[in-house]
Amino acid sequence: MARMVVDPITRIEGHLRVEAQVDGGKITDAWSSGTMFRGIELIVQGRDPREAWLWTQRICAVCTMVHALASVRAVENALEIEIPNNARIVRNLISASQYIHDHIVHFYHLHALDWVDITGALKADPAKTSQLAQSISEWPVSSTAYFRGVQDRVKALVESRQLSLFTSGYWGHPAYHLPPEADLLAVAHYLQALEFQREFIRIHAVLGGKNPHLQSYLVGGMTTAIDPNWPDAPLNPERLDFLVQVAGTAKKFVDQVLIPDVLAVAGFYRGWFSLGMGPGNYLSYGAFPQGRIQDTARYFLPRGIILNNDLSKVHPVDPNKVSEYVTHSWYEYTEGNDVSLAPAKGETNPKYTGPKPPYQFLNVEEKYSWLKAPRYDNYVMEVGPLSRMLVAYAAGQPEVKAMVDGALAKLKAPPAALFSTLGRVAARALETQLLANHIVGWIEELRDNMGHGDLQMHNGEKWEPDSWPRSAQGYGLFEAPRGSLGHWVEIEDTLIKNYQIVVPSTWNAGPRDGKGQRGPYETALLETPIADPERPLEVLRTIHSFDPCLACAVHVTDARGRTYARREI
């Protein structure tokens, strides 16, 4: 047997190390290690809970607004604050546009190069690429001249020997299977996606003032004023028309570029529909409330759990069953390292006991990651777009069921194919299309409210601390693009006493727990074929299919133990 180390995993947010045991050309065991410490929970202690969202949002600039939303929801839950309908819609619009933007960036700029050989594009016939493009889509930018121009740009880049972000690719790897014309098509759409995402995310500038790190959240609602008679209002008829226009470009790009590309790439890699299966348990907190936040039955994407790949039943979610182990994590619990703690009683006591760099291997029998190991009722859970689509599919959500069945029919694949590396890719693309279909309708909800004189965006009740109870606890659950996100807050004497965050990449990238159960990454890598251990392209395919965000799961550490921030109370 040979131990393979991939450190760092590139094209992700944050720092991730994967060690894998390879035997007979396949991975027989794997360990996932987050290599930075996240200290946000400690930074917000002692602060005003109404400002927690400003701090937690800085965890990551890729996930951007997701921590802001989970944070204000946690405080609203603790103080029993209900937000106005307009604030709910604006939050949904911000979230939906984040999903669409994030998923497109992930497929083209973080994951596509695991399937696309850039150098293959140099061998393509632009005329045949044009024919291929027009055979799978009505996207108008598909002429022979256009693809020849893209090919010339790639050629000039290669000849300059300054490959920039393409420098460290495993070009020419035997696991690449796309024909040159498909490689050229994908490279062209990689470049088009760069332009698309830049324009599309202007929705966040309108609704949130800026991107990343939107500034319009408030406990109790939003600051995004809505007024039909104020020309400079963030939301007036003219601005709503602009949002509809931008949302329309998303639907066209998703329908005519993203979906055809995903189906085309998947057709050449059918073997990956049987590789990369995780623990078989899937969690979704539900997303996009259509009424009160507490009315989870009316969420656009349903809340639920699937166990053991059984799509015949969706189990309910009880947030009190979420807990975290630190048995193999560089933390200590006061009750011992083999117990799990619910986030409401969680502790963040970092203690690094790993090897000092440089080192060859982690001591995986002991502690080996800065990520904790979240569990639901002691089940290992996978979270993310695949979990959301599976829960919606199993729950009988008509639109999701039709989309998933349609995609499986085109790929001539059974539902079990979804439990895989490519299943995650397909689910993410379908979710993008689902939201692109509905975002305009949610914008029109605002227009209708404005027309009926409903301009309320914030609930000022309980805004002042003198109206709060002496102590309160709450949680905010949200489905971020990468999966289930939860913030737990304990408030005492108007200040934060304890704060705990369980993020999607902690669920997926966490290490073994106190019972020895592998985390989802570690499980999904088992049986993965490795053609060349020096160029572990296959490892990247499965890890990237989860869309890791290690900056959310971990943060910064200083080996010398220096303090970066302190707040005096």
Protein backbone atom coordinates (compact mmCIF):
# COMPACT_ATOMS: atom_id res chain seq x y z
CA MET A 1 0.00 0.00 0.00
CA ALA A 2 1.05 3.62 -0.62
CA ARG A 3 -0.04 6.80 1.17
CA MET A 4 -0.90 9.66 -1.17
CA VAL A 5 -1.05 13.29 0.01
CA VAL A 6 -2.87 16.09 -1.80
CA ASP A 7 -2.08 19.36 -0.03
CA PRO A 8 -3.47 21.83 -0.69
CA ILE A 9 -6.59 20.90 -2.63
CA THR A 10 -6.74 23.72 -5.16
CA ARG A 11 -9.70 25.55 -6.73
CA ILE A 12 -11.54 25.76 -3.42
CA GLU A 13 -11.98 28.46 -0.78
CA GLY A 14 -9.63 27.81 2.12
CA HIS A 15 -7.05 25.13 2.92
CA LEU A 16 -7.79 21.42 2.70
CA ARG A 17 -5.45 18.43 2.88
CA VAL A 18 -6.44 14.92 1.80
CA GLU A 19 -4.43 11.81 2.58
CA ALA A 20 -5.42 8.55 0.92
CA GLN A 21 -4.27 4.96 1.04
CA VAL A 22 -3.90 3.50 -2.48
CA ASP A 23 -3.87 -0.25 -3.10
CA GLY A 24 -4.25 -1.97 -6.46
CA GLY A 25 -4.85 1.34 -8.22
CA LYS A 26 -7.79 2.30 -5.98
CA ILE A 27 -8.28 4.32 -2.80
CA THR A 28 -8.88 2.01 0.16
CA ASP A 29 -8.93 4.61 2.92
CA ALA A 30 -8.92 8.41 3.17
CA TRP A 31 -8.58 11.24 5.67
CA SER A 32 -9.76 14.83 5.26
CA SER A 33 -7.99 17.58 7.17
CA GLY A 34 -8.84 21.26 7.42
CA THR A 35 -5.54 23.00 8.05
CA MET A 36 -6.64 26.39 9.46
CA PHE A 37 -8.49 27.31 12.66
CA ARG A 38 -11.78 29.23 12.56
CA GLY A 39 -12.09 31.66 15.46
CA ILE A 40 -15.24 33.58 14.60
CA GLU A 41 -17.18 32.00 17.48
CA LEU A 42 -14.65 33.49 19.90
CA ILE A 43 -14.53 36.87 18.18
CA VAL A 44 -18.28 37.52 18.56
CA GLN A 45 -18.45 36.60 22.25
CA GLY A 46 -19.34 39.63 24.35
CA ARG A 47 -20.71 41.59 21.40
CA ASP A 48 -24.14 42.99 20.68
CA PRO A 49 -26.11 40.16 18.99
CA ARG A 50 -27.55 42.65 16.49
CA GLU A 51 -24.07 43.09 14.99
CA ALA A 52 -23.10 39.42 14.93
CA TRP A 53 -24.09 39.12 11.25
CA LEU A 54 -21.49 41.76 10.31
CA TRP A 55 -18.73 39.68 11.84
CA THR A 56 -19.87 36.22 10.82
CA GLN A 57 -20.38 37.34 7.21
CA ARG A 58 -16.61 37.92 7.06
CA ILE A 59 -15.98 34.20 7.44
CA CYS A 60 -15.94 33.93 3.65
CA ALA A 61 -16.19 36.17 0.58
CA VAL A 62 -17.34 33.33 -1.71
CA CYS A 63 -20.33 32.28 0.37
CA THR A 64 -20.69 36.03 1.14
CA MET A 65 -24.25 36.63 2.49
CA VAL A 66 -25.09 33.17 3.83
CA HIS A 67 -23.66 33.74 7.30
CA ALA A 68 -25.36 37.12 7.55
CA LEU A 69 -28.74 35.50 6.94
CA ALA A 70 -28.17 32.58 9.31
CA SER A 71 -26.96 34.99 11.99
CA VAL A 72 -29.92 37.38 11.87
CA ARG A 73 -32.26 34.38 11.82
CA ALA A 74 -30.58 33.03 14.97
CA VAL A 75 -31.04 36.29 16.86
CA GLU A 76 -34.60 36.69 15.56
CA ASN A 77 -35.37 33.15 16.72
CA ALA A 78 -33.92 33.85 20.18
CA LEU A 79 -35.87 37.11 20.59
CA GLU A 80 -39.04 35.83 18.83
CA ILE A 81 -39.00 38.50 16.13
CA GLU A 82 -41.06 38.03 12.97
CA ILE A 83 -39.86 39.82 9.84
CA PRO A 84 -42.13 41.63 7.32
CA ASN A 85 -43.14 39.90 4.11
CA ASN A 86 -41.08 42.24 1.93
CA ALA A 87 -37.95 41.45 3.95
CA ARG A 88 -38.60 37.74 3.46
CA ILE A 89 -38.87 38.19 -0.32
CA VAL A 90 -35.72 40.33 -0.51
CA ARG A 91 -33.80 37.75 1.51
CA ASN A 92 -35.07 35.02 -0.83
CA LEU A 93 -34.00 37.03 -3.89
CA ILE A 94 -30.53 37.63 -2.48
CA SER A 95 -30.21 33.94 -1.62
CA ALA A 96 -31.50 32.72 -5.00
CA SER A 97 -29.13 35.00 -6.90
CA GLN A 98 -26.28 33.78 -4.69
CA TYR A 99 -27.16 30.17 -5.55
CA ILE A 100 -27.27 30.87 -9.30
CA HIS A 101 -24.03 32.85 -9.26
CA ASP A 102 -22.21 30.40 -6.99
CA HIS A 103 -23.28 27.28 -8.89
CA ILE A 104 -22.26 28.67 -12.28
CA VAL A 105 -18.89 29.84 -10.95
CA HIS A 106 -18.37 26.45 -9.35
CA PHE A 107 -19.09 24.39 -12.46
CA TYR A 108 -17.06 26.44 -14.91
CA HIS A 109 -14.27 27.94 -12.84
CA LEU A 110 -13.72 25.52 -9.97
CA HIS A 111 -14.79 22.12 -11.27
CA ALA A 112 -14.87 22.00 -15.09
CA LEU A 113 -11.10 21.65 -15.41
CA ASP A 114 -11.37 18.28 -13.66
CA TRP A 115 -13.19 17.06 -16.78
CA VAL A 116 -11.85 19.40 -19.50
CA ASP A 117 -8.32 19.26 -20.89
CA ILE A 118 -7.36 22.81 -21.86
CA THR A 119 -4.63 21.54 -24.20
CA GLY A 120 -7.21 19.39 -26.00
CA ALA A 121 -8.87 22.59 -27.22
CA LEU A 122 -5.78 23.30 -29.34
CA LYS A 123 -6.45 20.15 -31.39
CA ALA A 124 -10.10 20.94 -32.07
CA ASP A 125 -11.67 21.81 -35.41
CA PRO A 126 -13.61 25.09 -34.75
CA ALA A 127 -16.14 24.21 -37.45
CA LYS A 128 -16.91 20.89 -35.77
CA THR A 129 -17.09 22.64 -32.39
CA SER A 130 -19.66 25.02 -33.88
CA GLN A 131 -21.67 22.05 -35.16
CA LEU A 132 -21.50 20.40 -31.73
CA ALA A 133 -22.62 23.58 -29.98
CA GLN A 134 -25.59 24.11 -32.30
CA SER A 135 -26.62 20.46 -31.96
CA ILE A 136 -27.11 20.73 -28.20
CA SER A 137 -28.30 24.31 -27.71
CA GLU A 138 -29.81 27.43 -29.27
CA TRP A 139 -27.17 29.65 -27.63
CA PRO A 140 -26.40 32.24 -30.33
CA VAL A 141 -22.67 32.66 -29.64
CA SER A 142 -21.56 29.51 -31.44
CA SER A 143 -20.12 30.38 -34.84
CA THR A 144 -17.00 28.84 -36.32
CA ALA A 145 -15.31 32.24 -36.23
CA TYR A 146 -16.06 32.62 -32.55
CA PHE A 147 -14.58 29.26 -31.59
CA ARG A 148 -11.55 29.88 -33.79
CA GLY A 149 -10.99 33.12 -31.91
CA VAL A 150 -11.16 31.33 -28.56
CA GLN A 151 -8.73 28.69 -29.83
CA ASP A 152 -6.32 31.42 -30.93
CA ARG A 153 -6.48 32.98 -27.46
CA VAL A 154 -5.64 29.65 -25.84
CA LYS A 155 -2.81 29.08 -28.30
CA ALA A 156 -1.33 32.51 -27.59
CA LEU A 157 -1.51 31.81 -23.86
CA VAL A 158 0.29 28.50 -24.24
CA GLU A 159 2.97 29.98 -26.49
CA SER A 160 3.58 32.78 -23.99
CA ARG A 161 4.41 30.15 -21.34
CA GLN A 162 2.47 32.26 -18.84
CA LEU A 163 -0.47 30.00 -18.21
CA SER A 164 -1.68 31.89 -15.15
CA LEU A 165 -4.44 29.88 -13.42
CA PHE A 166 -3.96 27.01 -15.91
CA THR A 167 -0.32 26.46 -14.88
CA SER A 168 -0.71 23.48 -12.55
CA GLY A 169 -3.31 21.49 -14.46
CA TYR A 170 -2.89 17.79 -15.08
CA TRP A 171 -3.09 18.32 -18.85
CA GLY A 172 -2.82 15.16 -20.90
CA HIS A 173 -3.93 12.99 -17.98
CA PRO A 174 -5.28 9.59 -19.14
CA ALA A 175 -8.53 10.15 -17.20
CA TYR A 176 -9.58 12.97 -19.56
CA HIS A 177 -12.12 11.63 -22.08
CA LEU A 178 -13.66 14.62 -23.87
CA PRO A 179 -13.03 14.94 -27.61
CA PRO A 180 -11.08 18.09 -28.59
CA GLU A 181 -14.20 19.83 -29.90
CA ALA A 182 -15.94 19.41 -26.53
CA ASP A 183 -12.81 20.72 -24.80
CA LEU A 184 -12.90 23.85 -26.97
CA LEU A 185 -16.62 24.31 -26.35
CA ALA A 186 -16.11 24.09 -22.60
CA VAL A 187 -13.18 26.54 -22.66
CA ALA A 188 -15.29 29.04 -24.61
CA HIS A 189 -18.12 28.76 -22.11
CA TYR A 190 -15.62 29.06 -19.23
CA LEU A 191 -14.78 32.51 -20.59
CA GLN A 192 -18.43 33.43 -21.21
CA ALA A 193 -19.32 32.42 -17.66
CA LEU A 194 -16.76 34.92 -16.36
CA GLU A 195 -18.64 37.70 -18.14
CA PHE A 196 -22.05 36.39 -17.11
CA GLN A 197 -21.31 36.14 -13.39
CA ARG A 198 -19.88 39.66 -13.27
CA GLU A 199 -23.09 41.15 -14.68
CA PHE A 200 -25.56 38.88 -12.90
CA ILE A 201 -24.31 39.56 -9.39
CA ARG A 202 -25.33 43.21 -9.81
CA ILE A 203 -28.57 41.98 -8.22
CA HIS A 204 -26.66 41.95 -4.94
CA ALA A 205 -25.51 45.52 -5.49
CA VAL A 206 -29.14 46.63 -5.80
CA LEU A 207 -30.52 44.59 -2.91
CA GLY A 208 -27.51 44.63 -0.62
CA GLY A 209 -25.51 47.73 -1.49
CA LYS A 210 -22.41 45.77 -2.53
CA ASN A 211 -20.93 42.34 -3.16
CA PRO A 212 -19.35 40.54 -1.44
CA HIS A 213 -20.48 41.21 2.13
CA LEU A 214 -23.89 42.78 1.61
CA GLN A 215 -24.75 45.59 4.00
CA SER A 216 -28.56 45.56 4.04
CA TYR A 217 -29.32 42.95 6.72
CA LEU A 218 -30.87 43.86 10.04
CA VAL A 219 -32.25 41.81 12.88
CA GLY A 220 -35.95 42.22 12.19
CA GLY A 221 -35.74 42.69 8.43
CA MET A 222 -33.72 44.58 5.85
CA THR A 223 -32.56 48.14 5.15
CA THR A 224 -33.47 47.89 1.44
CA ALA A 225 -36.09 50.63 1.16
CA ILE A 226 -39.04 50.09 -1.18
CA ASP A 227 -40.88 53.18 -2.46
CA PRO A 228 -42.65 53.70 -5.81
CA ASN A 229 -42.33 57.49 -5.54
CA TRP A 230 -38.69 57.85 -4.53
CA PRO A 231 -36.36 57.91 -7.59
CA ASP A 232 -33.30 56.95 -5.51
CA ALA A 233 -34.97 54.16 -3.57
CA PRO A 234 -33.11 50.83 -3.81
CA LEU A 235 -36.44 49.31 -4.85
CA ASN A 236 -38.76 51.30 -7.09
CA PRO A 237 -40.43 50.35 -10.39
CA GLU A 238 -37.31 51.16 -12.41
CA ARG A 239 -35.05 49.06 -10.18
CA LEU A 240 -37.49 46.17 -10.27
CA ASP A 241 -37.46 46.31 -14.08
CA PHE A 242 -33.65 46.11 -13.94
CA LEU A 243 -33.77 43.08 -11.64
CA VAL A 244 -36.20 41.33 -14.00
CA GLN A 245 -33.89 42.04 -16.93
CA VAL A 246 -30.83 40.63 -15.15
CA ALA A 247 -32.76 37.60 -13.93
CA GLY A 248 -33.85 36.94 -17.52
CA THR A 249 -30.22 36.72 -18.65
CA ALA A 250 -29.67 34.06 -15.99
CA LYS A 251 -32.49 31.89 -17.26
CA LYS A 252 -31.17 32.09 -20.80
CA PHE A 253 -27.59 31.28 -19.78
CA VAL A 254 -28.64 28.38 -17.56
CA ASP A 255 -31.05 26.88 -20.10
CA GLN A 256 -28.83 27.29 -23.16
CA VAL A 257 -25.29 26.97 -21.75
CA LEU A 258 -25.04 25.39 -18.30
CA ILE A 259 -27.56 22.55 -18.65
CA PRO A 260 -26.44 21.46 -22.16
CA ASP A 261 -22.79 21.57 -21.05
CA VAL A 262 -23.39 19.47 -17.95
CA LEU A 263 -25.34 16.87 -19.93
CA ALA A 264 -22.67 16.81 -22.65
CA VAL A 265 -19.78 16.38 -20.19
CA ALA A 266 -21.66 13.72 -18.21
CA GLY A 267 -22.23 11.71 -21.37
CA PHE A 268 -18.48 11.16 -21.73
CA TYR A 269 -17.91 10.21 -18.08
CA ARG A 270 -20.72 7.77 -17.32
CA GLY A 271 -18.45 5.71 -15.08
CA TRP A 272 -18.52 8.54 -12.55
CA PHE A 273 -22.21 7.92 -11.93
CA SER A 274 -21.06 4.88 -9.94
CA LEU A 275 -18.13 6.55 -8.13
CA GLY A 276 -17.99 8.99 -5.23
CA MET A 277 -21.00 7.87 -3.20
CA GLY A 278 -20.98 9.40 0.27
CA PRO A 279 -22.52 8.04 3.47
CA GLY A 280 -25.97 7.60 1.88
CA ASN A 281 -27.62 9.95 4.38
CA TYR A 282 -28.76 13.38 3.19
CA LEU A 283 -29.80 16.45 5.21
CA SER A 284 -31.60 19.60 4.09
CA TYR A 285 -32.81 22.35 6.42
CA GLY A 286 -35.10 23.61 3.66
CA ALA A 287 -34.83 26.90 1.80
CA PHE A 288 -36.79 29.88 0.53
CA PRO A 289 -39.70 30.30 2.95
CA GLN A 290 -42.96 31.24 1.26
CA GLY A 291 -44.51 32.53 4.48
CA ARG A 292 -43.42 32.77 8.10
CA ILE A 293 -39.92 31.45 8.76
CA GLN A 294 -41.35 29.02 11.31
CA ASP A 295 -43.72 27.53 8.72
CA THR A 296 -41.21 25.06 7.31
CA ALA A 297 -43.95 23.12 5.50
CA ARG A 298 -44.22 26.02 3.06
CA TYR A 299 -40.52 26.20 2.15
CA PHE A 300 -39.91 26.19 -1.60
CA LEU A 301 -37.18 23.57 -1.12
CA PRO A 302 -38.44 21.21 1.60
CA ARG A 303 -36.79 20.35 4.88
CA GLY A 304 -36.02 16.70 5.47
CA ILE A 305 -33.63 13.79 5.81
CA ILE A 306 -33.02 10.72 3.66
CA LEU A 307 -31.37 7.70 5.25
CA ASN A 308 -29.50 4.84 3.57
CA ASN A 309 -30.22 6.09 0.02
CA ASP A 310 -33.90 5.27 0.54
CA LEU A 311 -35.93 7.70 -1.60
CA SER A 312 -39.24 6.20 -0.48
CA LYS A 313 -39.30 8.16 2.78
CA VAL A 314 -38.36 11.66 3.94
CA HIS A 315 -37.70 11.90 7.68
CA PRO A 316 -38.38 15.11 9.65
CA VAL A 317 -35.55 17.31 10.91
CA ASP A 318 -35.12 18.04 14.61
CA PRO A 319 -32.38 20.68 15.11
CA ASN A 320 -31.85 19.38 18.66
CA LYS A 321 -30.37 16.19 17.19
CA VAL A 322 -27.40 18.03 15.65
CA SER A 323 -24.14 17.58 17.55
CA GLU A 324 -20.39 17.75 16.97
CA TYR A 325 -17.51 15.47 17.91
CA VAL A 326 -13.89 16.58 18.43
CA THR A 327 -12.39 13.11 18.86
CA HIS A 328 -10.15 13.63 15.83
CA SER A 329 -10.24 17.43 15.81
CA TRP A 330 -7.77 19.87 17.36
CA TYR A 331 -10.20 20.97 20.08
CA GLU A 332 -10.99 19.92 23.62
CA TYR A 333 -14.35 19.52 25.37
CA THR A 334 -14.54 19.92 29.11
CA GLU A 335 -16.48 16.63 29.35
CA GLY A 336 -13.92 14.71 27.29
CA ASN A 337 -13.06 14.30 23.63
CA ASP A 338 -15.21 11.25 22.88
CA VAL A 339 -18.56 12.92 23.61
CA SER A 340 -20.59 15.00 21.18
CA LEU A 341 -22.08 18.36 22.08
CA ALA A 342 -25.17 20.03 20.67
CA PRO A 343 -24.29 23.46 19.21
CA ALA A 344 -26.52 25.16 21.83
CA LYS A 345 -24.06 23.82 24.42
CA GLY A 346 -21.07 23.82 22.10
CA GLU A 347 -17.52 24.78 22.99
CA THR A 348 -14.68 26.22 20.93
CA ASN A 349 -11.52 25.32 22.83
CA PRO A 350 -8.73 24.99 20.25
CA LYS A 351 -5.69 22.89 21.10
CA TYR A 352 -3.31 21.91 18.31
CA THR A 353 -1.59 18.58 18.97
CA GLY A 354 -0.59 17.66 15.43
CA PRO A 355 2.85 17.43 13.86
CA LYS A 356 4.96 20.50 13.32
CA PRO A 357 5.53 21.45 9.68
CA PRO A 358 7.15 20.29 7.55
CA TYR A 359 5.76 16.79 8.06
CA GLN A 360 5.15 13.84 5.77
CA PHE A 361 1.89 12.44 7.14
CA LEU A 362 -0.74 13.31 9.70
CA ASN A 363 -1.18 11.11 12.75
CA VAL A 364 -4.64 9.98 11.71
CA GLU A 365 -5.01 7.66 14.69
CA GLU A 366 -5.22 10.76 16.88
CA LYS A 367 -6.42 14.29 16.05
CA TYR A 368 -5.81 15.43 12.48
CA SER A 369 -8.11 18.31 11.51
CA TRP A 370 -9.26 21.77 12.52
CA LEU A 371 -12.77 20.72 11.49
CA LYS A 372 -15.14 19.21 14.00
CA ALA A 373 -17.26 16.20 13.02
CA PRO A 374 -20.99 17.14 12.89
CA ARG A 375 -23.54 14.38 13.18
CA TYR A 376 -27.34 14.18 13.13
CA ASP A 377 -28.58 11.70 15.72
CA ASN A 378 -25.12 10.12 15.29
CA TYR A 379 -25.65 9.67 11.54
CA VAL A 380 -23.00 10.93 9.12
CA MET A 381 -24.80 13.36 6.82
CA GLU A 382 -24.00 14.71 3.38
CA VAL A 383 -25.28 18.21 2.70
CA GLY A 384 -25.46 20.36 -0.42
CA PRO A 385 -27.37 20.61 -3.71
CA LEU A 386 -27.59 16.83 -4.06
CA SER A 387 -29.18 16.55 -0.61
CA ARG A 388 -31.67 19.31 -1.38
CA MET A 389 -32.65 17.85 -4.74
CA LEU A 390 -32.97 14.33 -3.31
CA VAL A 391 -35.15 15.50 -0.41
CA ALA A 392 -37.34 17.53 -2.81
CA TYR A 393 -37.49 14.59 -5.24
CA ALA A 394 -38.40 12.09 -2.53
CA ALA A 395 -40.94 14.53 -1.06
CA GLY A 396 -42.69 14.66 -4.42
CA GLN A 397 -42.00 18.31 -5.27
CA PRO A 398 -43.53 18.23 -8.80
CA GLU A 399 -41.10 20.54 -10.58
CA VAL A 400 -38.01 18.94 -9.07
CA LYS A 401 -39.31 15.45 -9.81
CA ALA A 402 -39.97 16.34 -13.45
CA MET A 403 -36.53 17.95 -13.86
CA VAL A 404 -34.64 15.07 -12.25
CA ASP A 405 -36.57 12.39 -14.16
CA GLY A 406 -36.03 14.31 -17.39
CA ALA A 407 -32.29 14.58 -16.85
CA LEU A 408 -32.00 10.90 -15.93
CA ALA A 409 -33.92 9.96 -19.07
CA LYS A 410 -31.57 12.00 -21.26
CA LEU A 411 -28.59 10.36 -19.60
CA LYS A 412 -30.25 6.92 -19.67
CA ALA A 413 -29.42 6.54 -15.99
CA PRO A 414 -31.41 5.19 -13.01
CA PRO A 415 -32.13 7.30 -9.87
CA ALA A 416 -29.30 5.47 -8.08
CA ALA A 417 -26.89 7.29 -10.40
CA LEU A 418 -27.55 10.43 -8.35
CA PHE A 419 -25.63 8.96 -5.41
CA SER A 420 -22.30 9.79 -7.02
CA THR A 421 -19.72 12.38 -8.01
CA LEU A 422 -21.58 13.21 -11.22
CA GLY A 423 -24.87 13.09 -9.34
CA ARG A 424 -23.69 16.09 -7.32
CA VAL A 425 -22.76 17.92 -10.51
CA ALA A 426 -26.14 17.22 -12.09
CA ALA A 427 -28.07 18.16 -8.96
CA ARG A 428 -26.28 21.49 -8.70
CA ALA A 429 -27.07 22.31 -12.34
CA LEU A 430 -30.74 21.36 -11.97
CA GLU A 431 -31.06 23.43 -8.81
CA THR A 432 -29.62 26.40 -10.70
CA GLN A 433 -32.22 25.96 -13.42
CA LEU A 434 -35.01 25.59 -10.85
CA LEU A 435 -34.16 28.91 -9.20
CA ALA A 436 -33.62 30.68 -12.52
CA ASN A 437 -37.18 29.66 -13.37
CA HIS A 438 -38.61 31.31 -10.25
CA ILE A 439 -36.53 34.36 -9.42
CA VAL A 440 -38.54 36.67 -11.71
CA GLY A 441 -41.77 35.58 -10.02
CA TRP A 442 -40.35 36.55 -6.63
CA ILE A 443 -39.35 39.97 -7.97
CA GLU A 444 -42.92 40.42 -9.16
CA GLU A 445 -44.15 39.65 -5.64
CA LEU A 446 -42.36 42.81 -4.50
CA ARG A 447 -43.92 44.78 -7.32
CA ASP A 448 -47.36 43.54 -6.33
CA ASN A 449 -46.81 44.43 -2.67
CA MET A 450 -45.57 47.87 -3.64
CA GLY A 451 -48.65 48.38 -5.82
CA HIS A 452 -50.89 47.55 -2.85
CA GLY A 453 -49.07 50.01 -0.59
CA ASP A 454 -47.14 47.44 1.46
CA LEU A 455 -43.73 49.11 1.91
CA GLN A 456 -42.69 47.66 5.28
CA MET A 457 -39.18 46.21 5.28
CA HIS A 458 -38.30 46.08 8.99
CA ASN A 459 -40.03 45.12 12.23
CA GLY A 460 -38.82 47.50 14.89
CA GLU A 461 -40.39 45.64 17.80
CA LYS A 462 -37.83 44.34 20.31
CA TRP A 463 -35.08 46.30 18.57
CA GLU A 464 -34.03 47.98 21.82
CA PRO A 465 -32.21 45.71 24.30
CA ASP A 466 -34.31 46.92 27.23
CA SER A 467 -37.21 44.92 25.74
CA TRP A 468 -35.23 41.66 25.70
CA PRO A 469 -35.34 38.90 28.32
CA ARG A 470 -32.30 38.59 30.54
CA SER A 471 -31.30 35.40 28.75
CA ALA A 472 -32.34 33.84 25.46
CA GLN A 473 -31.18 31.12 23.09
CA GLY A 474 -31.92 30.65 19.41
CA TYR A 475 -30.74 29.19 16.15
CA GLY A 476 -30.82 30.21 12.52
CA LEU A 477 -30.95 27.47 9.91
CA PHE A 478 -30.34 28.12 6.23
CA GLU A 479 -29.45 26.17 3.13
CA ALA A 480 -26.36 27.87 1.74
CA PRO A 481 -25.39 26.94 -1.83
CA ARG A 482 -22.96 24.40 -0.39
CA GLY A 483 -25.44 22.90 2.06
CA SER A 484 -26.95 23.04 5.54
CA LEU A 485 -25.76 25.98 7.64
CA GLY A 486 -26.68 26.64 11.26
CA HIS A 487 -25.85 29.44 13.68
CA TRP A 488 -26.63 29.01 17.39
CA VAL A 489 -26.61 31.99 19.76
CA GLU A 490 -26.94 32.38 23.52
CA ILE A 491 -27.69 35.91 24.73
CA GLU A 492 -27.23 36.98 28.34
CA ASP A 493 -27.63 40.53 29.68
CA THR A 494 -28.01 41.82 26.08
CA LEU A 495 -24.62 40.43 24.94
CA ILE A 496 -23.53 37.22 23.23
CA LYS A 497 -22.49 34.63 25.80
CA ASN A 498 -21.92 31.75 23.38
CA TYR A 499 -22.01 31.40 19.61
CA GLN A 500 -21.58 28.24 17.53
CA ILE A 501 -21.56 27.77 13.76
CA VAL A 502 -21.96 24.44 11.95
CA VAL A 503 -21.29 24.99 8.25
CA PRO A 504 -21.76 22.83 5.14
CA SER A 505 -18.08 22.06 4.65
CA THR A 506 -17.80 20.97 8.27
CA TRP A 507 -20.58 18.45 7.64
CA ASN A 508 -18.91 17.21 4.45
CA ALA A 509 -15.19 17.62 5.13
CA GLY A 510 -15.13 16.71 8.81
CA PRO A 511 -12.93 13.89 10.14
CA ARG A 512 -13.90 10.65 11.84
CA ASP A 513 -16.11 10.94 14.92
CA GLY A 514 -16.03 9.31 18.35
CA LYS A 515 -17.51 6.14 16.88
CA GLY A 516 -14.88 5.90 14.15
CA GLN A 517 -17.29 6.83 11.36
CA ARG A 518 -15.68 8.50 8.35
CA GLY A 519 -16.81 11.92 7.18
CA PRO A 520 -18.51 12.29 3.75
CA TYR A 521 -15.32 13.24 1.85
CA GLU A 522 -13.49 10.32 3.40
CA THR A 523 -16.28 7.92 2.45
CA ALA A 524 -16.81 9.28 -1.06
CA LEU A 525 -13.16 8.74 -2.00
CA LEU A 526 -13.26 5.00 -1.28
CA GLU A 527 -12.86 2.78 -4.37
CA THR A 528 -11.86 5.77 -6.50
CA PRO A 529 -9.47 4.60 -9.25
CA ILE A 530 -6.11 6.39 -9.37
CA ALA A 531 -4.36 6.25 -12.74
CA ASP A 532 -1.35 8.31 -11.66
CA PRO A 533 -0.68 8.93 -7.93
CA GLU A 534 1.61 11.82 -8.87
CA ARG A 535 -1.32 13.55 -10.58
CA PRO A 536 -4.42 12.71 -8.49
CA LEU A 537 -7.02 14.15 -10.85
CA GLU A 538 -9.61 11.63 -9.69
CA VAL A 539 -9.35 12.86 -6.09
CA LEU A 540 -10.04 16.41 -7.24
CA ARG A 541 -13.13 15.31 -9.18
CA THR A 542 -14.89 13.90 -6.16
CA ILE A 543 -13.75 16.52 -3.65
CA HIS A 544 -14.66 19.37 -6.00
CA SER A 545 -18.09 17.84 -6.60
CA PHE A 546 -18.92 18.90 -3.02
CA ASP A 547 -17.74 22.49 -3.74
CA PRO A 548 -15.61 22.84 -0.57
CA CYS A 549 -15.47 26.10 1.35
CA LEU A 550 -12.88 25.53 4.03
CA ALA A 551 -12.79 29.22 4.92
CA CYS A 552 -16.28 28.65 6.35
CA ALA A 553 -15.26 25.48 8.15
CA VAL A 554 -11.97 26.87 9.46
CA HIS A 555 -10.36 30.30 9.68
CA VAL A 556 -6.94 31.68 10.67
CA THR A 557 -4.29 30.51 13.10
CA ASP A 558 -0.82 31.69 14.04
CA ALA A 559 1.70 29.03 14.94
CA ARG A 560 3.27 31.46 17.44
CA GLY A 561 0.03 31.87 19.31
CA ARG A 562 -0.36 35.61 18.76
CA THR A 563 -3.76 37.22 19.35
CA TYR A 564 -5.22 39.03 16.36
CA ALA A 565 -8.31 40.58 17.96
CA ARG A 566 -9.51 41.36 21.45
CA ARG A 567 -12.61 43.13 22.72
CA GLU A 568 -12.71 44.73 26.13
CA ILE A 569 -16.13 44.67 27.81
